[in-house]
Structure formats: C-alpha cells, structure tokens
C-alpha cells in the first residue's frame, strides 16, 4: 500500500510539473506573439523553438549528469532485476529523480 501511494504521488507530481511548464511556455509564446504582432509569426515561433530546445537539453543533461542508467524505458533493467540479476542503480533514488526530471522536461519539449 505504501509503494502504491508513493508511486501515485510521484506520478501526480510529474503530471502537475508538466502542466505548469506547458502553461508557462504557452504564456511566454503568447506574450511574444502579442508584442511582435506586426513582425509576423516568426518571433513567436523562434521563442517556442528556443523554449523547446532548452527543455530538451535540460532533460538530456539531467539524465547524463545525474544518473546515466535512467536513459531509456527501464523495462529491460527491471525485467533483469525481477529475474534475479542484480543490476546496479536500477532502483536507486538518483535514478528516480533523473528519470522524473527527464520525463517532465522531455514531455514539456514536445518530444
């Protein structure tokens, strides 16, 4: 029961973080679009591309710097762990943090 509550709490935190980043990104793009109305859609498009690029780079660097084992889906590692093969850092806190932050920023980057 504790594991289910913790898992659902992490999933809820990820969901709310994604929504907050999406709304902040949308607000900034709308602000730029309103300011640069006479210049056409290019400033807003450049802002959207820049924010998406920043989110993607943040997700990538978080996984690389914090825990490289967090890349990918993690299904093969968990299957190996459940079959009795000890895979280091699969169920570590660093992996959870890196995977959570990577998910938030990669989904916010529309990847």
PDB file of N, CA and C in Angstrom:
ATOM      1  N   UNK A   1       0.822  -1.194   0.000  1.00  0.00           N
ATOM      2  CA  UNK A   1       0.000   0.000   0.000  1.00  0.00           C
ATOM      3  C   UNK A   1       0.864   1.256   0.000  1.00  0.00           C
ATOM      4  N   UNK A   2       1.968   1.211   0.735  1.00  0.00           N
ATOM      5  CA  UNK A   2       2.865   2.370   0.776  1.00  0.00           C
ATOM      6  C   UNK A   2       3.530   2.603  -0.577  1.00  0.00           C
ATOM      7  N   UNK A   3       3.888   1.515  -1.251  1.00  0.00           N
ATOM      8  CA  UNK A   3       4.531   1.647  -2.559  1.00  0.00           C
ATOM      9  C   UNK A   3       3.552   2.240  -3.563  1.00  0.00           C
ATOM     10  N   UNK A   4       2.298   1.824  -3.505  1.00  0.00           N
ATOM     11  CA  UNK A   4       1.289   2.359  -4.420  1.00  0.00           C
ATOM     12  C   UNK A   4       1.047   3.837  -4.164  1.00  0.00           C
ATOM     13  N   UNK A   5       1.001   4.230  -2.901  1.00  0.00           N
ATOM     14  CA  UNK A   5       0.801   5.647  -2.566  1.00  0.00           C
ATOM     15  C   UNK A   5       1.985   6.486  -3.021  1.00  0.00           C
ATOM     16  N   UNK A   6       3.197   5.970  -2.834  1.00  0.00           N
ATOM     17  CA  UNK A   6       4.384   6.702  -3.269  1.00  0.00           C
ATOM     18  C   UNK A   6       4.435   6.822  -4.789  1.00  0.00           C
ATOM     19  N   UNK A   7       4.129   5.741  -5.488  1.00  0.00           N
ATOM     20  CA  UNK A   7       4.146   5.757  -6.945  1.00  0.00           C
ATOM     21  C   UNK A   7       3.117   6.730  -7.504  1.00  0.00           C
ATOM     22  N   UNK A   8       1.929   6.716  -6.931  1.00  0.00           N
ATOM     23  CA  UNK A   8       0.911   7.643  -7.418  1.00  0.00           C
ATOM     24  C   UNK A   8       1.260   9.084  -7.078  1.00  0.00           C
ATOM     25  N   UNK A   9       1.936   9.321  -5.966  1.00  0.00           N
ATOM     26  CA  UNK A   9       2.372  10.680  -5.616  1.00  0.00           C
ATOM     27  C   UNK A   9       3.418  11.190  -6.603  1.00  0.00           C
ATOM     28  N   UNK A  10       4.354  10.328  -6.975  1.00  0.00           N
ATOM     29  CA  UNK A  10       5.370  10.727  -7.953  1.00  0.00           C
ATOM     30  C   UNK A  10       4.721  11.003  -9.308  1.00  0.00           C
ATOM     31  N   UNK A  11       3.793  10.156  -9.717  1.00  0.00           N
ATOM     32  CA  UNK A  11       3.101  10.354 -11.000  1.00  0.00           C
ATOM     33  C   UNK A  11       2.298  11.649 -10.990  1.00  0.00           C
ATOM     34  N   UNK A  12       1.654  11.959  -9.878  1.00  0.00           N
ATOM     35  CA  UNK A  12       0.884  13.195  -9.775  1.00  0.00           C
ATOM     36  C   UNK A  12       1.793  14.421  -9.808  1.00  0.00           C
ATOM     37  N   UNK A  13       2.933  14.333  -9.142  1.00  0.00           N
ATOM     38  CA  UNK A  13       3.891  15.441  -9.169  1.00  0.00           C
ATOM     39  C   UNK A  13       4.427  15.669 -10.579  1.00  0.00           C
ATOM     40  N   UNK A  14       4.697  14.594 -11.306  1.00  0.00           N
ATOM     41  CA  UNK A  14       5.158  14.713 -12.689  1.00  0.00           C
ATOM     42  C   UNK A  14       4.076  15.354 -13.549  1.00  0.00           C
ATOM     43  N   UNK A  15       2.832  14.936 -13.366  1.00  0.00           N
ATOM     44  CA  UNK A  15       1.718  15.486 -14.148  1.00  0.00           C
ATOM     45  C   UNK A  15       1.574  16.985 -13.914  1.00  0.00           C
ATOM     46  N   UNK A  16       1.600  17.410 -12.659  1.00  0.00           N
ATOM     47  CA  UNK A  16       1.443  18.833 -12.356  1.00  0.00           C
ATOM     48  C   UNK A  16       2.643  19.656 -12.830  1.00  0.00           C
ATOM     49  N   UNK A  17       3.833  19.091 -12.768  1.00  0.00           N
ATOM     50  CA  UNK A  17       5.019  19.806 -13.261  1.00  0.00           C
ATOM     51  C   UNK A  17       4.947  19.987 -14.772  1.00  0.00           C
ATOM     52  N   UNK A  18       4.489  18.971 -15.490  1.00  0.00           N
ATOM     53  CA  UNK A  18       4.346  19.078 -16.941  1.00  0.00           C
ATOM     54  C   UNK A  18       3.315  20.145 -17.297  1.00  0.00           C
ATOM     55  N   UNK A  19       2.190  20.137 -16.594  1.00  0.00           N
ATOM     56  CA  UNK A  19       1.160  21.144 -16.856  1.00  0.00           C
ATOM     57  C   UNK A  19       1.661  22.553 -16.568  1.00  0.00           C
ATOM     58  N   UNK A  20       2.406  22.722 -15.484  1.00  0.00           N
ATOM     59  CA  UNK A  20       2.924  24.047 -15.140  1.00  0.00           C
ATOM     60  C   UNK A  20       3.914  24.544 -16.189  1.00  0.00           C
ATOM     61  N   UNK A  21       4.808  23.675 -16.643  1.00  0.00           N
ATOM     62  CA  UNK A  21       5.765  24.074 -17.680  1.00  0.00           C
ATOM     63  C   UNK A  21       5.052  24.374 -18.997  1.00  0.00           C
ATOM     64  N   UNK A  22       4.037  23.590 -19.335  1.00  0.00           N
ATOM     65  CA  UNK A  22       3.299  23.828 -20.570  1.00  0.00           C
ATOM     66  C   UNK A  22       2.599  25.184 -20.540  1.00  0.00           C
ATOM     67  N   UNK A  23       1.956  25.495 -19.417  1.00  0.00           N
ATOM     68  CA  UNK A  23       1.254  26.773 -19.321  1.00  0.00           C
ATOM     69  C   UNK A  23       2.222  27.952 -19.314  1.00  0.00           C
ATOM     70  N   UNK A  24       3.379  27.792 -18.668  1.00  0.00           N
ATOM     71  CA  UNK A  24       4.376  28.857 -18.682  1.00  0.00           C
ATOM     72  C   UNK A  24       4.913  29.083 -20.096  1.00  0.00           C
ATOM     73  N   UNK A  25       5.139  27.980 -20.813  1.00  0.00           N
ATOM     74  CA  UNK A  25       5.623  28.087 -22.197  1.00  0.00           C
ATOM     75  C   UNK A  25       4.581  28.756 -23.082  1.00  0.00           C
ATOM     76  N   UNK A  26       3.334  28.352 -22.938  1.00  0.00           N
ATOM     77  CA  UNK A  26       2.260  28.932 -23.738  1.00  0.00           C
ATOM     78  C   UNK A  26       2.082  30.420 -23.428  1.00  0.00           C
ATOM     79  N   UNK A  27       2.167  30.781 -22.159  1.00  0.00           N
ATOM     80  CA  UNK A  27       2.033  32.187 -21.767  1.00  0.00           C
ATOM     81  C   UNK A  27       3.147  33.029 -22.381  1.00  0.00           C
ATOM     82  N   UNK A  28       4.374  32.522 -22.355  1.00  0.00           N
ATOM     83  CA  UNK A  28       5.511  33.274 -22.908  1.00  0.00           C
ATOM     84  C   UNK A  28       5.380  33.432 -24.418  1.00  0.00           C
ATOM     85  N   UNK A  29       4.963  32.388 -25.110  1.00  0.00           N
ATOM     86  CA  UNK A  29       4.805  32.464 -26.568  1.00  0.00           C
ATOM     87  C   UNK A  29       3.681  33.439 -26.928  1.00  0.00           C
ATOM     88  N   UNK A  30       2.580  33.408 -26.186  1.00  0.00           N
ATOM     89  CA  UNK A  30       1.500  34.361 -26.443  1.00  0.00           C
ATOM     90  C   UNK A  30       1.952  35.796 -26.183  1.00  0.00           C
ATOM     91  N   UNK A  31       2.748  35.997 -25.150  1.00  0.00           N
ATOM     92  CA  UNK A  31       3.260  37.331 -24.834  1.00  0.00           C
ATOM     93  C   UNK A  31       4.145  37.850 -25.970  1.00  0.00           C
ATOM     94  N   UNK A  32       5.026  37.000 -26.471  1.00  0.00           N
ATOM     95  CA  UNK A  32       5.899  37.402 -27.575  1.00  0.00           C
ATOM     96  C   UNK A  32       5.072  37.648 -28.835  1.00  0.00           C
ATOM     97  N   UNK A  33       4.070  36.811 -29.075  1.00  0.00           N
ATOM     98  CA  UNK A  33       3.231  36.979 -30.266  1.00  0.00           C
ATOM     99  C   UNK A  33       2.457  38.297 -30.222  1.00  0.00           C
ATOM    100  N   UNK A  34       1.994  38.687 -29.041  1.00  0.00           N
ATOM    101  CA  UNK A  34       1.276  39.959 -28.920  1.00  0.00           C
ATOM    102  C   UNK A  34       2.206  41.161 -29.073  1.00  0.00           C
ATOM    103  N   UNK A  35       3.425  41.050 -28.530  1.00  0.00           N
ATOM    104  CA  UNK A  35       4.377  42.159 -28.640  1.00  0.00           C
ATOM    105  C   UNK A  35       4.872  42.348 -30.061  1.00  0.00           C
ATOM    106  N   UNK A  36       5.087  41.258 -30.771  1.00  0.00           N
ATOM    107  CA  UNK A  36       5.676  41.322 -32.109  1.00  0.00           C
ATOM    108  C   UNK A  36       4.617  41.034 -33.170  1.00  0.00           C
ATOM    109  N   UNK A  37       3.431  41.556 -32.988  1.00  0.00           N
ATOM    110  CA  UNK A  37       2.323  41.260 -33.900  1.00  0.00           C
ATOM    111  C   UNK A  37       2.617  41.715 -35.324  1.00  0.00           C
ATOM    112  N   UNK A  38       3.233  42.872 -35.486  1.00  0.00           N
ATOM    113  CA  UNK A  38       3.473  43.417 -36.829  1.00  0.00           C
ATOM    114  C   UNK A  38       4.614  42.695 -37.553  1.00  0.00           C
ATOM    115  N   UNK A  39       5.451  41.976 -36.836  1.00  0.00           N
ATOM    116  CA  UNK A  39       6.583  41.290 -37.461  1.00  0.00           C
ATOM    117  C   UNK A  39       6.212  39.912 -38.004  1.00  0.00           C
ATOM    118  N   UNK A  40       5.013  39.479 -37.762  1.00  0.00           N
ATOM    119  CA  UNK A  40       4.586  38.175 -38.241  1.00  0.00           C
ATOM    120  C   UNK A  40       4.756  37.108 -37.180  1.00  0.00           C
ATOM    121  N   UNK A  41       4.646  35.858 -37.588  1.00  0.00           N
ATOM    122  CA  UNK A  41       4.685  34.762 -36.609  1.00  0.00           C
ATOM    123  C   UNK A  41       6.091  34.315 -36.212  1.00  0.00           C
ATOM    124  N   UNK A  42       7.125  34.862 -36.847  1.00  0.00           N
ATOM    125  CA  UNK A  42       8.477  34.337 -36.644  1.00  0.00           C
ATOM    126  C   UNK A  42       9.045  34.559 -35.251  1.00  0.00           C
ATOM    127  N   UNK A  43       8.828  35.694 -34.588  1.00  0.00           N
ATOM    128  CA  UNK A  43       9.346  35.809 -33.214  1.00  0.00           C
ATOM    129  C   UNK A  43       8.702  34.804 -32.250  1.00  0.00           C
ATOM    130  N   UNK A  44       7.407  34.593 -32.390  1.00  0.00           N
ATOM    131  CA  UNK A  44       6.740  33.615 -31.522  1.00  0.00           C
ATOM    132  C   UNK A  44       7.224  32.204 -31.825  1.00  0.00           C
ATOM    133  N   UNK A  45       7.422  31.904 -33.107  1.00  0.00           N
ATOM    134  CA  UNK A  45       7.921  30.582 -33.489  1.00  0.00           C
ATOM    135  C   UNK A  45       9.332  30.364 -32.963  1.00  0.00           C
ATOM    136  N   UNK A  46      10.173  31.402 -33.065  1.00  0.00           N
ATOM    137  CA  UNK A  46      11.541  31.290 -32.551  1.00  0.00           C
ATOM    138  C   UNK A  46      11.541  31.118 -31.035  1.00  0.00           C
ATOM    139  N   UNK A  47      10.643  31.795 -30.346  1.00  0.00           N
ATOM    140  CA  UNK A  47      10.536  31.644 -28.898  1.00  0.00           C
ATOM    141  C   UNK A  47      10.109  30.228 -28.534  1.00  0.00           C
ATOM    142  N   UNK A  48       9.122  29.704 -29.250  1.00  0.00           N
ATOM    143  CA  UNK A  48       8.662  28.339 -28.996  1.00  0.00           C
ATOM    144  C   UNK A  48       9.777  27.330 -29.246  1.00  0.00           C
ATOM    145  N   UNK A  49      10.501  27.495 -30.335  1.00  0.00           N
ATOM    146  CA  UNK A  49      11.617  26.589 -30.630  1.00  0.00           C
ATOM    147  C   UNK A  49      12.715  26.693 -29.578  1.00  0.00           C
ATOM    148  N   UNK A  50      12.999  27.907 -29.127  1.00  0.00           N
ATOM    149  CA  UNK A  50      14.026  28.092 -28.101  1.00  0.00           C
ATOM    150  C   UNK A  50      13.651  27.465 -26.776  1.00  0.00           C
ATOM    151  N   UNK A  51      12.395  27.632 -26.375  1.00  0.00           N
ATOM    152  CA  UNK A  51      11.946  27.035 -25.113  1.00  0.00           C
ATOM    153  C   UNK A  51      11.948  25.510 -25.216  1.00  0.00           C
ATOM    154  N   UNK A  52      11.487  24.969 -26.342  1.00  0.00           N
ATOM    155  CA  UNK A  52      11.506  23.515 -26.538  1.00  0.00           C
ATOM    156  C   UNK A  52      12.929  22.977 -26.539  1.00  0.00           C
ATOM    157  N   UNK A  53      13.841  23.703 -27.171  1.00  0.00           N
ATOM    158  CA  UNK A  53      15.238  23.275 -27.178  1.00  0.00           C
ATOM    159  C   UNK A  53      15.828  23.301 -25.774  1.00  0.00           C
ATOM    160  N   UNK A  54      15.511  24.338 -25.012  1.00  0.00           N
ATOM    161  CA  UNK A  54      16.015  24.431 -23.637  1.00  0.00           C
ATOM    162  C   UNK A  54      15.472  23.281 -22.779  1.00  0.00           C
ATOM    163  N   UNK A  55      14.202  22.941 -22.958  1.00  0.00           N
ATOM    164  CA  UNK A  55      13.626  21.829 -22.203  1.00  0.00           C
ATOM    165  C   UNK A  55      14.278  20.501 -22.593  1.00  0.00           C
ATOM    166  N   UNK A  56      14.508  20.297 -23.871  1.00  0.00           N
ATOM    167  CA  UNK A  56      15.132  19.051 -24.331  1.00  0.00           C
ATOM    168  C   UNK A  56      16.562  18.926 -23.826  1.00  0.00           C
ATOM    169  N   UNK A  57      17.310  20.021 -23.872  1.00  0.00           N
ATOM    170  CA  UNK A  57      18.697  19.987 -23.383  1.00  0.00           C
ATOM    171  C   UNK A  57      18.725  19.757 -21.878  1.00  0.00           C
ATOM    172  N   UNK A  58      17.797  20.363 -21.147  1.00  0.00           N
ATOM    173  CA  UNK A  58      17.728  20.148 -19.706  1.00  0.00           C
ATOM    174  C   UNK A  58      17.434  18.691 -19.383  1.00  0.00           C
ATOM    175  N   UNK A  59      16.508  18.092 -20.103  1.00  0.00           N
ATOM    176  CA  UNK A  59      16.197  16.675 -19.885  1.00  0.00           C
ATOM    177  C   UNK A  59      17.406  15.798 -20.180  1.00  0.00           C
ATOM    178  N   UNK A  60      18.077  16.088 -21.267  1.00  0.00           N
ATOM    179  CA  UNK A  60      19.250  15.299 -21.663  1.00  0.00           C
ATOM    180  C   UNK A  60      20.385  15.430 -20.652  1.00  0.00           C
ATOM    181  N   UNK A  61      20.687  16.652 -20.264  1.00  0.00           N
ATOM    182  CA  UNK A  61      21.795  16.872 -19.327  1.00  0.00           C
ATOM    183  C   UNK A  61      21.496  16.326 -17.940  1.00  0.00           C
ATOM    184  N   UNK A  62      20.232  16.345 -17.542  1.00  0.00           N
ATOM    185  CA  UNK A  62      19.878  15.778 -16.244  1.00  0.00           C
ATOM    186  C   UNK A  62      20.147  14.284 -16.216  1.00  0.00           C
ATOM    187  N   UNK A  63      19.746  13.594 -17.255  1.00  0.00           N
ATOM    188  CA  UNK A  63      19.972  12.150 -17.301  1.00  0.00           C
ATOM    189  C   UNK A  63      21.458  11.842 -17.406  1.00  0.00           C
ATOM    190  N   UNK A  64      22.182  12.601 -18.203  1.00  0.00           N
ATOM    191  CA  UNK A  64      23.618  12.347 -18.363  1.00  0.00           C
ATOM    192  C   UNK A  64      24.386  12.639 -17.079  1.00  0.00           C
ATOM    193  N   UNK A  65      24.063  13.761 -16.430  1.00  0.00           N
ATOM    194  CA  UNK A  65      24.838  14.188 -15.261  1.00  0.00           C
ATOM    195  C   UNK A  65      24.437  13.464 -13.974  1.00  0.00           C
ATOM    196  N   UNK A  66      23.150  13.223 -13.776  1.00  0.00           N
ATOM    197  CA  UNK A  66      22.703  12.670 -12.500  1.00  0.00           C
ATOM    198  C   UNK A  66      22.817  11.147 -12.480  1.00  0.00           C
ATOM    199  N   UNK A  67      22.201  10.494 -13.442  1.00  0.00           N
ATOM    200  CA  UNK A  67      22.232   9.028 -13.466  1.00  0.00           C
ATOM    201  C   UNK A  67      22.049   8.519 -14.889  1.00  0.00           C
ATOM    202  N   UNK A  68      23.134   8.103 -15.535  1.00  0.00           N
ATOM    203  CA  UNK A  68      23.033   7.599 -16.912  1.00  0.00           C
ATOM    204  C   UNK A  68      22.158   6.351 -17.048  1.00  0.00           C
ATOM    205  N   UNK A  69      21.954   5.607 -15.973  1.00  0.00           N
ATOM    206  CA  UNK A  69      21.089   4.426 -16.023  1.00  0.00           C
ATOM    207  C   UNK A  69      19.621   4.785 -16.245  1.00  0.00           C
ATOM    208  N   UNK A  70      19.276   6.064 -16.103  1.00  0.00           N
ATOM    209  CA  UNK A  70      17.885   6.492 -16.253  1.00  0.00           C
ATOM    210  C   UNK A  70      17.467   6.644 -17.708  1.00  0.00           C
ATOM    211  N   UNK A  71      18.393   6.491 -18.640  1.00  0.00           N
ATOM    212  CA  UNK A  71      18.016   6.631 -20.050  1.00  0.00           C
ATOM    213  C   UNK A  71      17.200   5.411 -20.479  1.00  0.00           C
ATOM    214  N   UNK A  72      16.346   5.621 -21.432  1.00  0.00           N
ATOM    215  CA  UNK A  72      15.509   4.545 -21.932  1.00  0.00           C
ATOM    216  C   UNK A  72      14.291   4.303 -21.060  1.00  0.00           C
ATOM    217  N   UNK A  73      13.579   3.251 -21.379  1.00  0.00           N
ATOM    218  CA  UNK A  73      12.329   2.978 -20.666  1.00  0.00           C
ATOM    219  C   UNK A  73      12.569   2.345 -19.299  1.00  0.00           C
ATOM    220  N   UNK A  74      13.616   1.568 -19.170  1.00  0.00           N
ATOM    221  CA  UNK A  74      13.900   0.889 -17.910  1.00  0.00           C
ATOM    222  C   UNK A  74      13.273  -0.486 -17.805  1.00  0.00           C
ATOM    223  N   UNK A  75      12.475  -0.871 -18.797  1.00  0.00           N
ATOM    224  CA  UNK A  75      11.799  -2.165 -18.744  1.00  0.00           C
ATOM    225  C   UNK A  75      12.804  -3.328 -18.777  1.00  0.00           C
ATOM    226  N   UNK A  76      13.819  -3.322 -19.664  1.00  0.00           N
ATOM    227  CA  UNK A  76      14.766  -4.443 -19.643  1.00  0.00           C
ATOM    228  C   UNK A  76      15.518  -4.566 -18.317  1.00  0.00           C
ATOM    229  N   UNK A  77      15.861  -3.435 -17.713  1.00  0.00           N
ATOM    230  CA  UNK A  77      16.581  -3.474 -16.443  1.00  0.00           C
ATOM    231  C   UNK A  77      15.713  -4.050 -15.329  1.00  0.00           C
ATOM    232  N   UNK A  78      14.448  -3.647 -15.288  1.00  0.00           N
ATOM    233  CA  UNK A  78      13.548  -4.160 -14.250  1.00  0.00           C
ATOM    234  C   UNK A  78      13.258  -5.643 -14.485  1.00  0.00           C
ATOM    235  N   UNK A  79      13.104  -6.043 -15.735  1.00  0.00           N
ATOM    236  CA  UNK A  79      12.897  -7.468 -16.012  1.00  0.00           C
ATOM    237  C   UNK A  79      14.117  -8.282 -15.566  1.00  0.00           C
ATOM    238  N   UNK A  80      15.306  -7.770 -15.818  1.00  0.00           N
ATOM    239  CA  UNK A  80      16.514  -8.462 -15.371  1.00  0.00           C
ATOM    240  C   UNK A  80      16.562  -8.545 -13.852  1.00  0.00           C
ATOM    241  N   UNK A  81      16.192  -7.447 -13.183  1.00  0.00           N
ATOM    242  CA  UNK A  81      16.193  -7.405 -11.728  1.00  0.00           C
ATOM    243  C   UNK A  81      15.192  -8.413 -11.159  1.00  0.00           C
ATOM    244  N   UNK A  82      14.007  -8.498 -11.776  1.00  0.00           N
ATOM    245  CA  UNK A  82      12.989  -9.436 -11.298  1.00  0.00           C
ATOM    246  C   UNK A  82      13.361 -10.887 -11.572  1.00  0.00           C
ATOM    247  N   UNK A  83      14.215 -11.127 -12.561  1.00  0.00           N
ATOM    248  CA  UNK A  83      14.685 -12.476 -12.848  1.00  0.00           C
ATOM    249  C   UNK A  83      15.886 -12.871 -12.001  1.00  0.00           C
ATOM    250  N   UNK A  84      16.287 -12.018 -11.076  1.00  0.00           N
ATOM    251  CA  UNK A  84      17.358 -12.361 -10.155  1.00  0.00           C
ATOM    252  C   UNK A  84      18.713 -11.805 -10.514  1.00  0.00           C
ATOM    253  N   UNK A  85      18.823 -11.066 -11.563  1.00  0.00           N
ATOM    254  CA  UNK A  85      20.109 -10.481 -11.972  1.00  0.00           C
ATOM    255  C   UNK A  85      20.226  -9.117 -11.323  1.00  0.00           C
ATOM    256  N   UNK A  86      21.262  -8.913 -10.558  1.00  0.00           N
ATOM    257  CA  UNK A  86      21.470  -7.648  -9.849  1.00  0.00           C
ATOM    258  C   UNK A  86      22.044  -6.622 -10.827  1.00  0.00           C
ATOM    259  N   UNK A  87      21.255  -5.603 -11.115  1.00  0.00           N
ATOM    260  CA  UNK A  87      21.676  -4.512 -11.989  1.00  0.00           C
ATOM    261  C   UNK A  87      21.871  -3.289 -11.099  1.00  0.00           C
ATOM    262  N   UNK A  88      23.086  -2.748 -11.036  1.00  0.00           N
ATOM    263  CA  UNK A  88      23.332  -1.630 -10.117  1.00  0.00           C
ATOM    264  C   UNK A  88      22.582  -0.362 -10.522  1.00  0.00           C
ATOM    265  N   UNK A  89      22.081   0.350  -9.525  1.00  0.00           N
ATOM    266  CA  UNK A  89      21.432   1.665  -9.649  1.00  0.00           C
ATOM    267  C   UNK A  89      20.125   1.650 -10.427  1.00  0.00           C
ATOM    268  N   UNK A  90      19.494   0.503 -10.581  1.00  0.00           N
ATOM    269  CA  UNK A  90      18.212   0.490 -11.287  1.00  0.00           C
ATOM    270  C   UNK A  90      17.109   1.039 -10.387  1.00  0.00           C
ATOM    271  N   UNK A  91      17.111   0.662  -9.137  1.00  0.00           N
ATOM    272  CA  UNK A  91      16.068   1.091  -8.207  1.00  0.00           C
ATOM    273  C   UNK A  91      16.614   2.101  -7.196  1.00  0.00           C
ATOM    274  N   UNK A  92      17.534   2.944  -7.630  1.00  0.00           N
ATOM    275  CA  UNK A  92      18.117   3.946  -6.736  1.00  0.00           C
ATOM    276  C   UNK A  92      17.323   5.245  -6.794  1.00  0.00           C
ATOM    277  N   UNK A  93      17.457   6.047  -5.756  1.00  0.00           N
ATOM    278  CA  UNK A  93      16.770   7.338  -5.708  1.00  0.00           C
ATOM    279  C   UNK A  93      17.257   8.270  -6.804  1.00  0.00           C
ATOM    280  N   UNK A  94      18.545   8.213  -7.095  1.00  0.00           N
ATOM    281  CA  UNK A  94      19.095   9.072  -8.155  1.00  0.00           C
ATOM    282  C   UNK A  94      18.467   8.749  -9.502  1.00  0.00           C
ATOM    283  N   UNK A  95      18.214   7.472  -9.744  1.00  0.00           N
ATOM    284  CA  UNK A  95      17.576   7.067 -10.988  1.00  0.00           C
ATOM    285  C   UNK A  95      16.145   7.590 -11.056  1.00  0.00           C
ATOM    286  N   UNK A  96      15.432   7.523  -9.944  1.00  0.00           N
ATOM    287  CA  UNK A  96      14.064   8.024  -9.908  1.00  0.00           C
ATOM    288  C   UNK A  96      14.023   9.528 -10.162  1.00  0.00           C
ATOM    289  N   UNK A  97      14.918  10.265  -9.536  1.00  0.00           N
ATOM    290  CA  UNK A  97      14.948  11.719  -9.719  1.00  0.00           C
ATOM    291  C   UNK A  97      15.325  12.070 -11.155  1.00  0.00           C
ATOM    292  N   UNK A  98      16.361  11.419 -11.686  1.00  0.00           N
ATOM    293  CA  UNK A  98      16.789  11.717 -13.053  1.00  0.00           C
ATOM    294  C   UNK A  98      15.708  11.350 -14.061  1.00  0.00           C
ATOM    295  N   UNK A  99      15.064  10.212 -13.870  1.00  0.00           N
ATOM    296  CA  UNK A  99      14.015   9.800 -14.798  1.00  0.00           C
ATOM    297  C   UNK A  99      12.807  10.728 -14.700  1.00  0.00           C
ATOM    298  N   UNK A 100      12.439  11.145 -13.491  1.00  0.00           N
ATOM    299  CA  UNK A 100      11.294  12.039 -13.312  1.00  0.00           C
ATOM    300  C   UNK A 100      11.545  13.403 -13.942  1.00  0.00           C
ATOM    301  N   UNK A 101      12.702  13.984 -13.674  1.00  0.00           N
ATOM    302  CA  UNK A 101      13.032  15.289 -14.256  1.00  0.00           C
ATOM    303  C   UNK A 101      13.162  15.176 -15.770  1.00  0.00           C
ATOM    304  N   UNK A 102      13.760  14.090 -16.242  1.00  0.00           N
ATOM    305  CA  UNK A 102      13.878  13.878 -17.679  1.00  0.00           C
ATOM    306  C   UNK A 102      12.523  13.741 -18.349  1.00  0.00           C
ATOM    307  N   UNK A 103      11.596  13.048 -17.703  1.00  0.00           N
ATOM    308  CA  UNK A 103      10.247  12.906 -18.266  1.00  0.00           C
ATOM    309  C   UNK A 103       9.546  14.252 -18.325  1.00  0.00           C
ATOM    310  N   UNK A 104       9.641  15.012 -17.234  1.00  0.00           N
ATOM    311  CA  UNK A 104       8.960  16.316 -17.195  1.00  0.00           C
ATOM    312  C   UNK A 104       9.452  17.233 -18.311  1.00  0.00           C
ATOM    313  N   UNK A 105      10.765  17.335 -18.464  1.00  0.00           N
ATOM    314  CA  UNK A 105      11.298  18.253 -19.458  1.00  0.00           C
ATOM    315  C   UNK A 105      11.179  17.724 -20.887  1.00  0.00           C
ATOM    316  N   UNK A 106      11.275  16.423 -21.079  1.00  0.00           N
ATOM    317  CA  UNK A 106      11.132  15.896 -22.441  1.00  0.00           C
ATOM    318  C   UNK A 106       9.686  15.987 -22.931  1.00  0.00           C
ATOM    319  N   UNK A 107       8.714  15.743 -22.056  1.00  0.00           N
ATOM    320  CA  UNK A 107       7.321  15.901 -22.455  1.00  0.00           C
ATOM    321  C   UNK A 107       6.998  17.384 -22.653  1.00  0.00           C
ATOM    322  N   UNK A 108       7.583  18.255 -21.835  1.00  0.00           N
ATOM    323  CA  UNK A 108       7.368  19.694 -21.992  1.00  0.00           C
ATOM    324  C   UNK A 108       7.994  20.212 -23.288  1.00  0.00           C
ATOM    325  N   UNK A 109       9.009  19.520 -23.765  1.00  0.00           N
ATOM    326  CA  UNK A 109       9.642  19.907 -25.026  1.00  0.00           C
ATOM    327  C   UNK A 109       8.926  19.325 -26.233  1.00  0.00           C
ATOM    328  N   UNK A 110       7.805  18.677 -26.012  1.00  0.00           N
ATOM    329  CA  UNK A 110       7.006  18.049 -27.066  1.00  0.00           C
ATOM    330  C   UNK A 110       7.761  16.949 -27.791  1.00  0.00           C
ATOM    331  N   UNK A 111       8.584  16.229 -27.090  1.00  0.00           N
ATOM    332  CA  UNK A 111       9.318  15.106 -27.704  1.00  0.00           C
ATOM    333  C   UNK A 111       8.497  13.844 -27.634  1.00  0.00           C
TER     334      UNK A 111
END
